[in-house]
Amino acid sequence: MKKNNWFTLLLFVVLLSLPALACRLTDLGGSDGPPRNAVVVEVLANSSLMPWLETAVSDFNTARIQNDEGNPFFIILHEAEAGTAVTTLQDGAPPYALWLPDDPVWAEVLAEVGNPNFRADCLSTAQSPLVIAMWRPIAETLGWPGLPLGWLDVGSLAADQASWSYYSGGELGDNFRLGHTHPGLSGTGTSTLLAVVQAARLQTEAVTVADVELPIVQASVGAFESGVAWFGNSTENMGRTMRERDMAYLSAAIVYESTVVQHGGGEIVAVYPFEGTFMASHPACLNQAVSGEVREGALRFREYLVTEEAQQTALAVGLRPVNTAVSLAAPLDEAFGVNPHQDVDIFDPPSADTIFAVQDLWQQARKDVNLVMVLDISGSMRGNRMRSMQTAAAQFVQQMGADDRISVIVFSSQSEVIVRHALVGDSRDKVMADIQNLTAFGSTALYDAIGDGATLIAETTVPDMTNVLVVLTDGMDNASRRYRAGPQLFELAAANDTTVVAIAYSSEADARTMQQLAAATNGIFFLSDEASIEAIYDEMSAAFGGTAGVGR
């Protein structure tokens, strides 16, 4: 199948100071730990629930609710997006007693890949519709709240610069920049694609695998994805990053209504698509493989989550309560940019097979990447710093698409191209081996390496691929002879619509130049060390549409 144009620009998700990454499960159980005689109950939940569940878990643990033997139940909370959780739980371990995905269908997806233990007993704990989060001035320019807007509307605006210029008059940026999460990792990403399918089919009943395979549907998804400018690995990070980076970075993002409340501050509003949307029910699904006192603790915690007390806590962070004793109230109101009373059709939930089908369609629709990776191998990289970088970079290559292109430039006293515009599907193992065989020596010709990377992109760029330059260094330039830091070098790096990801790989790195480089290309700057470098490459893999996630 011919691929549709996809990313116009790829950017990334969280600040590295945040330990909670969707591709890693993060312990949120509290620093004090459980009492010695506690019954420990492990709970796994998606990121959009964290603002609620962190408080609910703390309140539950503080209450010291006990079993008949006088032992308190103690909840330890972990975070993972739905798709990431499926890949973690498919072999039956670790033994989480409760799992809170976006929708019960994810328990069916998990059953399809080998673990049916969560499918039989799920209870909705809170609700939140999928919305188009948009900066208020942009939404008002498009006629919000009086003029209906939909999935296909925002897709068209993102894909067609001329159309956006007509509405904005050129005063709100050159492009309408749209983002959503990775469909293989996050429930909101999958729901976004399914919503486009629903809109293309003009129906609210659940779409089928046959619907997804229709040429008009595939064209609609391809057109929508051609305008996506930013791709995240979790719903929570999507909302946070949109808020932090302002409207020049992202005009709109597909998130839950609760995410708008948590991060919008009234400056970001929720657009409820006129074609309809999905409603997350955030079920707490009981693991049928656990028994005894752990099962009892899981049930007691689940019962607590739907009490009036816990539902008030959910409401306070923008979730719609499922306990009818708790009425809709602030912050679910206009002051926070939402309108829970707006009439909108709710799409029927999909089947597990449809989820797999739309993810396959997405992999076909994604725009291929022309990546140049520039790696510091100077003497200061010796030891664990080099080994950690090699492991992370090789894993990133492992997850690249077969039709992506990769070049690798290494630099010490001078720069050298060791891989030139290789087709990943034909050369993956060799590229990974070349990275693993690097040795550290010499000085740091950082500026020359950046210039050579930009030149290589200029030589290999083609219209239907996204150009990305990844630059990693742990030091200051002390050997460049051909280039200097400054506007001329930054303009060269930004040419050919290139996104630069600049990684300062130690506190001794030239962070100022790397920040300027990222800013000049509307890219992103990361401050990293050996402990966090693998997390950076995981984030980049998600943003490039890497092959991690459900069904991969």
Protein backbone atom coordinates (compact mmCIF):
# COMPACT_ATOMS: atom_id res chain seq x y z
CA MET A 1 0.00 0.00 0.00
CA LYS A 2 1.33 3.43 -0.88
CA LYS A 3 2.18 5.38 2.22
CA ASN A 4 0.46 8.68 2.96
CA ASN A 5 2.39 11.72 4.06
CA TRP A 6 2.39 11.77 7.82
CA PHE A 7 4.51 13.88 10.16
CA THR A 8 5.30 17.44 9.12
CA LEU A 9 7.51 17.73 12.15
CA LEU A 10 8.27 15.36 15.01
CA LEU A 11 8.74 16.61 18.51
CA PHE A 12 8.86 14.98 21.85
CA VAL A 13 7.18 14.72 25.15
CA VAL A 14 8.52 15.09 28.64
CA LEU A 15 11.28 16.89 30.48
CA LEU A 16 13.84 14.34 31.55
CA SER A 17 13.48 15.29 35.17
CA LEU A 18 10.16 13.44 35.08
CA PRO A 19 10.76 9.78 35.94
CA ALA A 20 7.30 8.60 34.88
CA LEU A 21 7.62 7.36 31.29
CA ALA A 22 5.00 5.29 29.53
CA CYS A 23 7.56 2.76 28.42
CA ARG A 24 8.68 2.30 32.03
CA LEU A 25 6.44 1.50 34.98
CA THR A 26 6.91 4.01 37.77
CA ASP A 27 6.47 3.24 41.45
CA LEU A 28 4.16 5.83 42.98
CA GLY A 29 3.49 4.06 46.26
CA GLY A 30 5.06 6.65 48.52
CA SER A 31 8.49 7.01 50.13
CA ASP A 32 7.45 5.67 53.55
CA GLY A 33 6.58 2.22 52.25
CA PRO A 34 4.08 -0.25 53.66
CA PRO A 35 3.86 -1.21 57.34
CA ARG A 36 5.59 -4.48 58.19
CA ASN A 37 2.35 -6.40 58.54
CA ALA A 38 0.59 -4.80 55.55
CA VAL A 39 -1.18 -6.63 52.74
CA VAL A 40 0.41 -5.01 49.69
CA VAL A 41 -1.83 -4.52 46.67
CA GLU A 42 -0.18 -3.52 43.38
CA VAL A 43 -2.32 -1.29 41.11
CA LEU A 44 -1.56 -0.27 37.52
CA ALA A 45 -3.29 2.76 35.92
CA ASN A 46 -3.08 5.03 32.90
CA SER A 47 -1.42 8.44 33.18
CA SER A 48 -4.57 10.57 32.94
CA LEU A 49 -5.74 9.09 36.27
CA MET A 50 -2.54 9.88 38.17
CA PRO A 51 -3.64 13.32 39.48
CA TRP A 52 -6.63 11.58 41.10
CA LEU A 53 -5.18 8.24 42.10
CA GLU A 54 -2.07 9.60 43.77
CA THR A 55 -4.36 11.41 46.22
CA ALA A 56 -6.83 8.52 46.49
CA VAL A 57 -4.07 6.02 47.24
CA SER A 58 -2.55 8.28 49.87
CA ASP A 59 -5.94 8.75 51.53
CA PHE A 60 -6.70 5.03 51.45
CA ASN A 61 -3.31 4.04 52.87
CA THR A 62 -3.54 6.70 55.58
CA ALA A 63 -6.92 5.32 56.66
CA ARG A 64 -5.25 1.97 57.56
CA ILE A 65 -8.22 -0.14 56.46
CA GLN A 66 -7.63 -3.64 57.86
CA ASN A 67 -8.61 -7.21 57.16
CA ASP A 68 -10.08 -9.55 59.79
CA GLU A 69 -6.58 -10.35 61.09
CA GLY A 70 -5.87 -6.68 61.74
CA ASN A 71 -3.42 -6.29 58.85
CA PRO A 72 -3.79 -3.01 56.91
CA PHE A 73 -4.18 -2.99 53.15
CA PHE A 74 -1.49 -0.90 51.46
CA ILE A 75 -1.79 0.20 47.83
CA ILE A 76 1.27 0.70 45.63
CA LEU A 77 0.44 2.58 42.45
CA HIS A 78 2.19 2.17 39.11
CA GLU A 79 1.69 4.07 35.86
CA ALA A 80 1.51 2.81 32.27
CA GLU A 81 -0.55 3.77 29.24
CA ALA A 82 -2.97 1.12 27.98
CA GLY A 83 -0.85 -0.15 25.10
CA THR A 84 2.30 -0.21 27.19
CA ALA A 85 0.45 -2.09 29.94
CA VAL A 86 -0.71 -4.73 27.46
CA THR A 87 2.85 -5.49 26.40
CA THR A 88 3.92 -5.64 30.06
CA LEU A 89 1.03 -7.82 31.26
CA GLN A 90 0.71 -10.22 28.32
CA ASP A 91 2.80 -12.96 29.94
CA GLY A 92 0.88 -12.71 33.24
CA ALA A 93 3.52 -10.92 35.26
CA PRO A 94 4.08 -8.84 37.31
CA PRO A 95 1.07 -9.67 39.50
CA TYR A 96 -0.91 -6.45 39.55
CA ALA A 97 -4.16 -7.00 41.41
CA LEU A 98 -6.02 -4.13 39.69
CA TRP A 99 -5.55 -2.51 36.30
CA LEU A 100 -7.23 0.77 35.34
CA PRO A 101 -6.96 1.29 31.55
CA ASP A 102 -9.02 3.77 29.55
CA ASP A 103 -11.76 1.31 28.58
CA PRO A 104 -12.67 -2.36 29.20
CA VAL A 105 -11.76 -3.16 25.58
CA TRP A 106 -8.11 -3.03 26.61
CA ALA A 107 -8.71 -6.03 28.86
CA GLU A 108 -10.00 -7.79 25.73
CA VAL A 109 -6.88 -6.72 23.84
CA LEU A 110 -4.77 -8.16 26.65
CA ALA A 111 -6.74 -11.41 26.48
CA GLU A 112 -6.08 -11.59 22.72
CA VAL A 113 -2.32 -11.53 23.33
CA GLY A 114 -2.38 -14.21 25.99
CA ASN A 115 -3.57 -12.91 29.37
CA PRO A 116 -7.34 -13.20 29.99
CA ASN A 117 -7.11 -12.57 33.74
CA PHE A 118 -8.42 -8.98 33.70
CA ARG A 119 -11.39 -9.33 31.36
CA ALA A 120 -14.08 -10.79 33.64
CA ASP A 121 -14.54 -8.17 36.37
CA CYS A 122 -14.25 -4.47 35.50
CA LEU A 123 -15.97 -1.58 37.29
CA SER A 124 -16.03 1.99 35.94
CA THR A 125 -14.47 4.44 38.40
CA ALA A 126 -14.68 7.78 36.53
CA GLN A 127 -15.45 9.13 33.06
CA SER A 128 -13.89 11.61 30.69
CA PRO A 129 -14.60 12.26 26.99
CA LEU A 130 -11.89 12.51 24.36
CA VAL A 131 -11.67 16.15 23.24
CA ILE A 132 -9.61 18.41 21.03
CA ALA A 133 -7.69 20.62 23.47
CA MET A 134 -7.07 23.98 21.77
CA TRP A 135 -5.63 27.29 22.81
CA ARG A 136 -8.54 29.67 23.41
CA PRO A 137 -7.47 32.36 20.87
CA ILE A 138 -7.13 29.71 18.16
CA ALA A 139 -10.48 28.13 19.01
CA GLU A 140 -12.19 31.53 18.97
CA THR A 141 -10.64 32.31 15.59
CA LEU A 142 -12.26 29.13 14.28
CA GLY A 143 -15.67 30.17 15.62
CA TRP A 144 -15.67 28.35 18.97
CA PRO A 145 -17.91 27.96 20.86
CA GLY A 146 -20.72 28.83 18.45
CA LEU A 147 -19.43 27.13 15.29
CA PRO A 148 -19.25 23.31 15.35
CA LEU A 149 -15.79 21.84 14.82
CA GLY A 150 -14.93 18.22 14.20
CA TRP A 151 -12.22 15.63 13.73
CA LEU A 152 -11.97 16.10 9.99
CA ASP A 153 -11.95 19.89 10.35
CA VAL A 154 -8.85 19.98 12.55
CA GLY A 155 -7.16 17.37 10.39
CA SER A 156 -7.73 19.53 7.31
CA LEU A 157 -6.45 22.66 9.04
CA ALA A 158 -3.29 20.86 10.17
CA ALA A 159 -2.61 19.37 6.74
CA ASP A 160 -3.37 22.51 4.68
CA GLN A 161 -1.32 25.59 5.51
CA ALA A 162 -3.32 27.74 3.10
CA SER A 163 -6.58 26.83 4.80
CA TRP A 164 -5.14 27.68 8.20
CA SER A 165 -3.78 31.00 6.92
CA TYR A 166 -7.24 31.89 5.64
CA TYR A 167 -8.77 31.51 9.09
CA SER A 168 -5.90 32.87 11.17
CA GLY A 169 -4.86 35.77 8.95
CA GLY A 170 -1.26 34.78 9.66
CA GLU A 171 -1.44 36.06 13.24
CA LEU A 172 -1.43 32.71 15.07
CA GLY A 173 1.54 30.99 13.49
CA ASP A 174 2.30 29.69 10.01
CA ASN A 175 0.81 26.27 10.70
CA PHE A 176 -1.97 24.70 12.74
CA ARG A 177 0.12 22.28 14.78
CA LEU A 178 -1.78 19.18 15.91
CA GLY A 179 -0.62 16.43 18.27
CA HIS A 180 -1.83 13.11 19.64
CA THR A 181 -0.32 10.15 21.44
CA HIS A 182 1.26 7.02 19.97
CA PRO A 183 -1.57 4.58 19.09
CA GLY A 184 0.50 1.54 20.02
CA LEU A 185 1.30 2.90 23.46
CA SER A 186 -1.61 5.07 24.57
CA GLY A 187 -5.37 4.66 24.63
CA THR A 188 -5.96 8.25 23.50
CA GLY A 189 -3.79 7.69 20.42
CA THR A 190 -5.80 4.65 19.38
CA SER A 191 -9.09 6.42 20.12
CA THR A 192 -7.98 9.40 18.00
CA LEU A 193 -7.52 7.22 14.93
CA LEU A 194 -10.78 5.39 15.60
CA ALA A 195 -12.60 8.72 15.96
CA VAL A 196 -11.35 9.73 12.52
CA VAL A 197 -12.66 6.42 11.17
CA GLN A 198 -16.02 7.02 12.87
CA ALA A 199 -16.20 10.52 11.38
CA ALA A 200 -15.27 9.26 7.93
CA ARG A 201 -18.00 6.60 8.15
CA LEU A 202 -20.55 9.09 9.57
CA GLN A 203 -21.61 6.64 12.26
CA THR A 204 -21.69 6.34 16.03
CA GLU A 205 -22.02 2.55 16.20
CA ALA A 206 -18.72 0.74 16.54
CA VAL A 207 -16.63 0.55 13.38
CA THR A 208 -15.40 -2.87 12.28
CA VAL A 209 -12.23 -4.25 10.77
CA ALA A 210 -13.99 -4.10 7.39
CA ASP A 211 -14.65 -0.39 7.92
CA VAL A 212 -10.98 0.25 8.68
CA GLU A 213 -9.97 -1.52 5.47
CA LEU A 214 -12.14 0.70 3.21
CA PRO A 215 -10.07 2.90 0.86
CA ILE A 216 -11.99 6.06 1.82
CA VAL A 217 -11.30 5.39 5.51
CA GLN A 218 -7.63 4.75 4.88
CA ALA A 219 -7.42 7.96 2.87
CA SER A 220 -9.12 9.90 5.68
CA VAL A 221 -6.72 8.55 8.31
CA GLY A 222 -3.76 9.24 6.05
CA ALA A 223 -4.91 12.81 5.43
CA PHE A 224 -5.47 13.41 9.14
CA GLU A 225 -2.06 12.00 10.07
CA SER A 226 -0.31 14.04 7.37
CA GLY A 227 -0.96 17.12 9.50
CA VAL A 228 0.21 15.75 12.84
CA ALA A 229 3.11 17.81 14.12
CA TRP A 230 3.76 16.21 17.50
CA PHE A 231 3.43 12.73 18.85
CA GLY A 232 3.57 11.81 22.56
CA ASN A 233 3.73 8.62 24.57
CA SER A 234 1.24 9.50 27.31
CA THR A 235 -1.90 11.59 27.73
CA GLU A 236 -0.66 13.34 30.84
CA ASN A 237 2.63 14.34 29.24
CA MET A 238 0.79 15.54 26.14
CA GLY A 239 -1.29 17.98 28.19
CA ARG A 240 1.64 19.11 30.31
CA THR A 241 3.93 19.72 27.36
CA MET A 242 1.27 21.63 25.42
CA ARG A 243 0.89 23.96 28.39
CA GLU A 244 4.62 24.41 28.92
CA ARG A 245 5.58 25.02 25.29
CA ASP A 246 2.74 27.46 24.37
CA MET A 247 0.75 27.79 21.13
CA ALA A 248 3.74 28.28 18.83
CA TYR A 249 4.73 24.72 19.66
CA LEU A 250 1.31 23.09 19.52
CA SER A 251 -2.04 24.56 18.48
CA ALA A 252 -4.18 21.61 19.55
CA ALA A 253 -3.83 18.15 21.05
CA ILE A 254 -6.15 15.17 21.43
CA VAL A 255 -6.53 14.45 25.16
CA TYR A 256 -9.23 13.82 27.73
CA GLU A 257 -11.46 16.56 29.10
CA SER A 258 -9.84 16.01 32.50
CA THR A 259 -6.43 16.80 30.98
CA VAL A 260 -7.75 20.18 29.82
CA VAL A 261 -8.91 20.91 33.37
CA GLN A 262 -5.59 19.84 34.88
CA HIS A 263 -3.30 21.73 32.49
CA GLY A 264 -5.36 24.30 30.60
CA GLY A 265 -5.77 26.95 33.25
CA GLY A 266 -8.70 28.33 31.26
CA GLU A 267 -6.32 29.30 28.44
CA ILE A 268 -6.77 25.93 26.73
CA VAL A 269 -10.34 24.89 25.95
CA ALA A 270 -12.03 21.60 25.15
CA VAL A 271 -13.59 21.31 21.69
CA TYR A 272 -16.20 18.54 21.61
CA PRO A 273 -16.19 17.23 18.00
CA PHE A 274 -19.61 17.49 16.38
CA GLU A 275 -19.30 14.02 14.78
CA GLY A 276 -19.08 12.48 18.25
CA THR A 277 -16.34 11.17 20.51
CA PHE A 278 -15.27 8.34 22.81
CA MET A 279 -15.98 8.34 26.54
CA ALA A 280 -13.28 6.80 28.73
CA SER A 281 -14.83 4.85 31.59
CA HIS A 282 -11.55 4.17 33.42
CA PRO A 283 -12.55 0.71 34.68
CA ALA A 284 -10.80 -0.97 37.59
CA CYS A 285 -10.33 -4.52 36.31
CA LEU A 286 -9.64 -7.24 38.88
CA ASN A 287 -6.90 -9.75 38.18
CA GLN A 288 -8.59 -13.14 38.50
CA ALA A 289 -5.22 -14.77 39.17
CA VAL A 290 -4.85 -13.13 42.58
CA SER A 291 -6.62 -14.54 45.59
CA GLY A 292 -6.86 -14.40 49.35
CA GLU A 293 -6.04 -11.23 51.21
CA VAL A 294 -4.56 -9.49 48.15
CA ARG A 295 -7.83 -10.00 46.28
CA GLU A 296 -9.73 -8.69 49.29
CA GLY A 297 -7.50 -5.60 49.40
CA ALA A 298 -8.01 -4.96 45.69
CA LEU A 299 -11.77 -5.15 46.09
CA ARG A 300 -11.72 -2.88 49.13
CA PHE A 301 -9.68 -0.28 47.25
CA ARG A 302 -11.96 -0.50 44.23
CA GLU A 303 -14.98 -0.03 46.48
CA TYR A 304 -13.27 3.02 47.97
CA LEU A 305 -12.70 4.59 44.55
CA VAL A 306 -16.45 4.84 43.90
CA THR A 307 -17.32 6.20 47.35
CA GLU A 308 -18.55 9.77 47.59
CA GLU A 309 -15.29 10.83 49.24
CA ALA A 310 -13.07 9.46 46.47
CA GLN A 311 -15.40 10.65 43.71
CA GLN A 312 -15.20 14.20 45.06
CA THR A 313 -11.42 13.88 44.75
CA ALA A 314 -11.87 12.70 41.14
CA LEU A 315 -14.13 15.65 40.38
CA ALA A 316 -11.55 18.04 41.82
CA VAL A 317 -9.09 17.08 39.04
CA GLY A 318 -11.67 17.24 36.25
CA LEU A 319 -12.95 13.66 36.05
CA ARG A 320 -16.68 13.04 35.76
CA PRO A 321 -17.90 11.04 38.79
CA VAL A 322 -19.73 7.74 38.35
CA ASN A 323 -21.28 7.94 41.82
CA THR A 324 -24.60 9.75 41.27
CA ALA A 325 -24.39 11.26 44.75
CA VAL A 326 -21.64 13.55 43.40
CA SER A 327 -22.96 16.20 41.01
CA LEU A 328 -21.02 17.84 38.20
CA ALA A 329 -19.48 21.06 39.48
CA ALA A 330 -16.28 23.12 39.36
CA PRO A 331 -13.70 22.64 37.98
CA LEU A 332 -15.83 21.02 35.25
CA ASP A 333 -17.04 24.40 34.05
CA GLU A 334 -16.39 27.24 31.63
CA ALA A 335 -13.73 28.82 33.85
CA PHE A 336 -11.55 25.79 33.15
CA GLY A 337 -12.40 25.70 29.44
CA VAL A 338 -14.82 22.75 29.50
CA ASN A 339 -18.55 22.18 29.19
CA PRO A 340 -19.67 18.76 30.49
CA HIS A 341 -23.27 19.59 29.61
CA GLN A 342 -22.58 20.01 25.90
CA ASP A 343 -24.62 17.56 23.86
CA VAL A 344 -22.30 15.23 21.97
CA ASP A 345 -22.77 11.71 20.58
CA ILE A 346 -20.70 8.98 22.19
CA PHE A 347 -19.20 6.40 19.88
CA ASP A 348 -19.74 2.74 20.72
CA PRO A 349 -16.53 1.09 21.99
CA PRO A 350 -14.52 -0.87 19.41
CA SER A 351 -13.58 -4.54 19.46
CA ALA A 352 -10.05 -5.73 20.15
CA ASP A 353 -9.70 -6.77 16.50
CA THR A 354 -10.61 -3.25 15.37
CA ILE A 355 -7.94 -1.80 17.65
CA PHE A 356 -5.32 -4.05 16.07
CA ALA A 357 -6.56 -3.13 12.58
CA VAL A 358 -6.40 0.63 13.11
CA GLN A 359 -2.90 0.36 14.58
CA ASP A 360 -1.78 -1.54 11.50
CA LEU A 361 -3.31 1.19 9.36
CA TRP A 362 -1.44 3.82 11.34
CA GLN A 363 1.91 2.09 10.74
CA GLN A 364 1.18 2.15 7.03
CA ALA A 365 0.13 5.81 7.10
CA ARG A 366 3.04 7.20 9.10
CA LYS A 367 5.52 9.33 7.22
CA ASP A 368 8.96 7.76 7.00
CA VAL A 369 11.91 9.37 8.77
CA ASN A 370 15.24 10.53 7.38
CA LEU A 371 17.32 10.52 10.57
CA VAL A 372 20.89 11.71 11.06
CA MET A 373 22.27 10.72 14.46
CA VAL A 374 25.34 12.72 15.59
CA LEU A 375 27.16 11.05 18.50
CA ASP A 376 30.01 12.33 20.67
CA ILE A 377 32.80 9.72 21.08
CA SER A 378 35.42 12.04 22.60
CA GLY A 379 37.62 10.83 25.43
CA SER A 380 35.27 12.08 28.15
CA MET A 381 32.67 9.56 26.94
CA ARG A 382 34.75 6.59 28.16
CA GLY A 383 33.23 4.02 30.47
CA ASN A 384 29.63 3.80 31.59
CA ARG A 385 28.66 7.02 29.77
CA MET A 386 29.58 5.48 26.41
CA ARG A 387 28.04 2.10 27.22
CA SER A 388 24.73 3.65 28.27
CA MET A 389 24.58 5.77 25.13
CA GLN A 390 25.36 2.78 22.90
CA THR A 391 22.65 0.64 24.50
CA ALA A 392 20.02 3.36 24.18
CA ALA A 393 20.93 4.29 20.60
CA ALA A 394 20.99 0.66 19.46
CA GLN A 395 17.58 0.02 21.03
CA PHE A 396 16.25 3.08 19.21
CA VAL A 397 17.49 1.71 15.88
CA GLN A 398 15.84 -1.62 16.72
CA GLN A 399 12.47 0.13 16.91
CA MET A 400 12.78 2.25 13.75
CA GLY A 401 10.52 1.48 10.81
CA ALA A 402 11.85 -0.72 8.03
CA ASP A 403 11.37 2.06 5.44
CA ASP A 404 13.08 4.75 7.54
CA ARG A 405 16.55 5.98 6.58
CA ILE A 406 19.40 6.44 9.04
CA SER A 407 22.80 8.08 8.93
CA VAL A 408 25.28 8.06 11.82
CA ILE A 409 28.03 10.66 12.31
CA VAL A 410 30.52 10.26 15.15
CA PHE A 411 32.86 12.96 16.32
CA SER A 412 35.86 13.44 18.54
CA SER A 413 38.78 15.54 17.23
CA GLN A 414 36.96 15.48 13.88
CA SER A 415 33.67 14.15 12.58
CA GLU A 416 33.19 11.01 10.49
CA VAL A 417 30.18 9.49 8.70
CA ILE A 418 30.04 5.80 9.63
CA VAL A 419 26.54 5.09 8.25
CA ARG A 420 25.21 7.03 5.25
CA HIS A 421 21.49 7.11 4.41
CA ALA A 422 20.96 3.40 5.03
CA LEU A 423 17.54 1.79 4.64
CA VAL A 424 16.80 0.51 8.13
CA GLY A 425 15.08 -2.69 7.00
CA ASP A 426 18.17 -3.77 5.07
CA SER A 427 20.85 -2.67 7.52
CA ARG A 428 19.37 -2.64 11.03
CA ASP A 429 21.73 -5.24 12.52
CA LYS A 430 24.82 -3.69 10.95
CA VAL A 431 23.93 -0.19 12.17
CA MET A 432 23.35 -1.50 15.69
CA ALA A 433 26.69 -3.34 15.59
CA ASP A 434 28.48 -0.21 14.33
CA ILE A 435 27.10 1.76 17.28
CA GLN A 436 28.05 -0.95 19.77
CA ASN A 437 31.63 -1.06 18.40
CA LEU A 438 32.36 2.63 18.97
CA THR A 439 35.29 3.61 21.22
CA ALA A 440 35.92 6.92 22.96
CA PHE A 441 39.02 9.01 22.26
CA GLY A 442 40.20 12.50 21.36
CA SER A 443 38.77 16.01 21.60
CA THR A 444 35.31 17.48 20.83
CA ALA A 445 34.56 18.92 17.36
CA LEU A 446 30.90 19.53 18.17
CA TYR A 447 30.18 22.43 15.81
CA ASP A 448 31.80 20.71 12.82
CA ALA A 449 29.70 17.60 13.52
CA ILE A 450 26.47 19.66 13.64
CA GLY A 451 27.36 21.31 10.35
CA ASP A 452 28.19 17.96 8.76
CA GLY A 453 24.91 16.50 10.00
CA ALA A 454 22.91 19.36 8.50
CA THR A 455 24.82 19.02 5.22
CA LEU A 456 24.10 15.31 5.09
CA ILE A 457 20.38 15.95 5.57
CA ALA A 458 20.49 18.47 2.72
CA GLU A 459 22.09 15.83 0.50
CA THR A 460 19.58 13.09 1.36
CA THR A 461 16.29 14.95 1.85
CA VAL A 462 13.24 13.87 -0.15
CA PRO A 463 9.75 15.42 -0.04
CA ASP A 464 7.91 12.45 1.47
CA MET A 465 10.18 11.95 4.49
CA THR A 466 10.62 13.83 7.76
CA ASN A 467 14.11 15.15 8.42
CA VAL A 468 15.41 14.78 11.97
CA LEU A 469 18.86 15.62 13.34
CA VAL A 470 19.74 14.14 16.74
CA VAL A 471 22.86 15.63 18.34
CA LEU A 472 24.38 14.23 21.54
CA THR A 473 27.43 15.61 23.35
CA ASP A 474 28.86 15.42 26.88
CA GLY A 475 31.26 18.35 26.58
CA MET A 476 32.27 21.72 25.14
CA ASP A 477 33.59 22.22 21.63
CA ASN A 478 37.39 22.44 21.61
CA ALA A 479 38.36 21.15 18.16
CA SER A 480 36.07 22.54 15.41
CA ARG A 481 37.75 24.31 12.52
CA ARG A 482 35.00 24.72 9.90
CA TYR A 483 31.94 25.89 11.86
CA ARG A 484 31.20 28.12 14.82
CA ALA A 485 28.20 28.29 17.11
CA GLY A 486 25.79 31.02 16.09
CA PRO A 487 22.91 31.97 13.77
CA GLN A 488 24.63 30.74 10.59
CA LEU A 489 25.11 27.21 11.99
CA PHE A 490 21.61 27.16 13.46
CA GLU A 491 20.06 28.25 10.15
CA LEU A 492 21.95 25.47 8.39
CA ALA A 493 20.61 22.94 10.89
CA ALA A 494 17.05 24.26 10.52
CA ALA A 495 17.08 24.04 6.70
CA ASN A 496 15.03 21.42 4.87
CA ASP A 497 12.32 21.60 7.57
CA THR A 498 14.61 19.70 9.94
CA THR A 499 13.75 19.06 13.56
CA VAL A 500 16.77 19.01 15.86
CA VAL A 501 16.82 17.03 19.08
CA ALA A 502 19.74 18.35 21.15
CA ILE A 503 20.96 16.21 24.05
CA ALA A 504 23.43 17.61 26.59
CA TYR A 505 24.72 14.35 28.02
CA SER A 506 26.30 15.66 31.23
CA SER A 507 26.49 18.75 33.40
CA GLU A 508 29.76 19.61 31.61
CA ALA A 509 28.11 19.72 28.16
CA ASP A 510 27.58 22.94 26.20
CA ALA A 511 23.96 23.24 27.30
CA ARG A 512 23.61 26.85 26.11
CA THR A 513 24.53 26.04 22.50
CA MET A 514 22.38 22.91 22.52
CA GLN A 515 19.39 24.87 23.82
CA GLN A 516 19.87 27.52 21.14
CA LEU A 517 20.15 24.84 18.48
CA ALA A 518 16.88 23.22 19.53
CA ALA A 519 15.07 26.55 19.80
CA ALA A 520 16.18 27.64 16.33
CA THR A 521 14.60 24.54 14.78
CA ASN A 522 11.49 24.38 16.98
CA GLY A 523 13.04 21.20 18.33
CA ILE A 524 13.65 20.17 21.90
CA PHE A 525 16.55 20.19 24.32
CA PHE A 526 17.26 17.41 26.80
CA LEU A 527 19.65 17.50 29.75
CA SER A 528 20.63 13.91 30.45
CA ASP A 529 23.06 11.52 32.12
CA GLU A 530 23.75 7.79 32.03
CA ALA A 531 20.64 7.07 34.10
CA SER A 532 18.24 8.89 31.81
CA ILE A 533 19.70 8.48 28.32
CA GLU A 534 17.74 5.31 27.60
CA ALA A 535 14.55 7.17 28.56
CA ILE A 536 15.35 9.87 25.98
CA TYR A 537 15.75 7.36 23.18
CA ASP A 538 12.53 5.63 24.25
CA GLU A 539 10.77 8.99 24.01
CA MET A 540 12.23 9.60 20.56
CA SER A 541 11.15 6.15 19.40
CA ALA A 542 7.57 6.93 20.40
CA ALA A 543 7.67 10.32 18.69
CA PHE A 544 9.01 8.82 15.47
CA GLY A 545 6.23 6.24 15.40
CA GLY A 546 8.57 3.44 16.40
CA THR A 547 7.41 -0.15 16.46
CA ALA A 548 6.96 -0.45 20.23
CA GLY A 549 3.49 -1.09 21.59
CA VAL A 550 0.42 -3.23 21.06
CA GLY A 551 0.60 -5.65 18.19
CA ARG A 552 4.14 -4.72 17.26
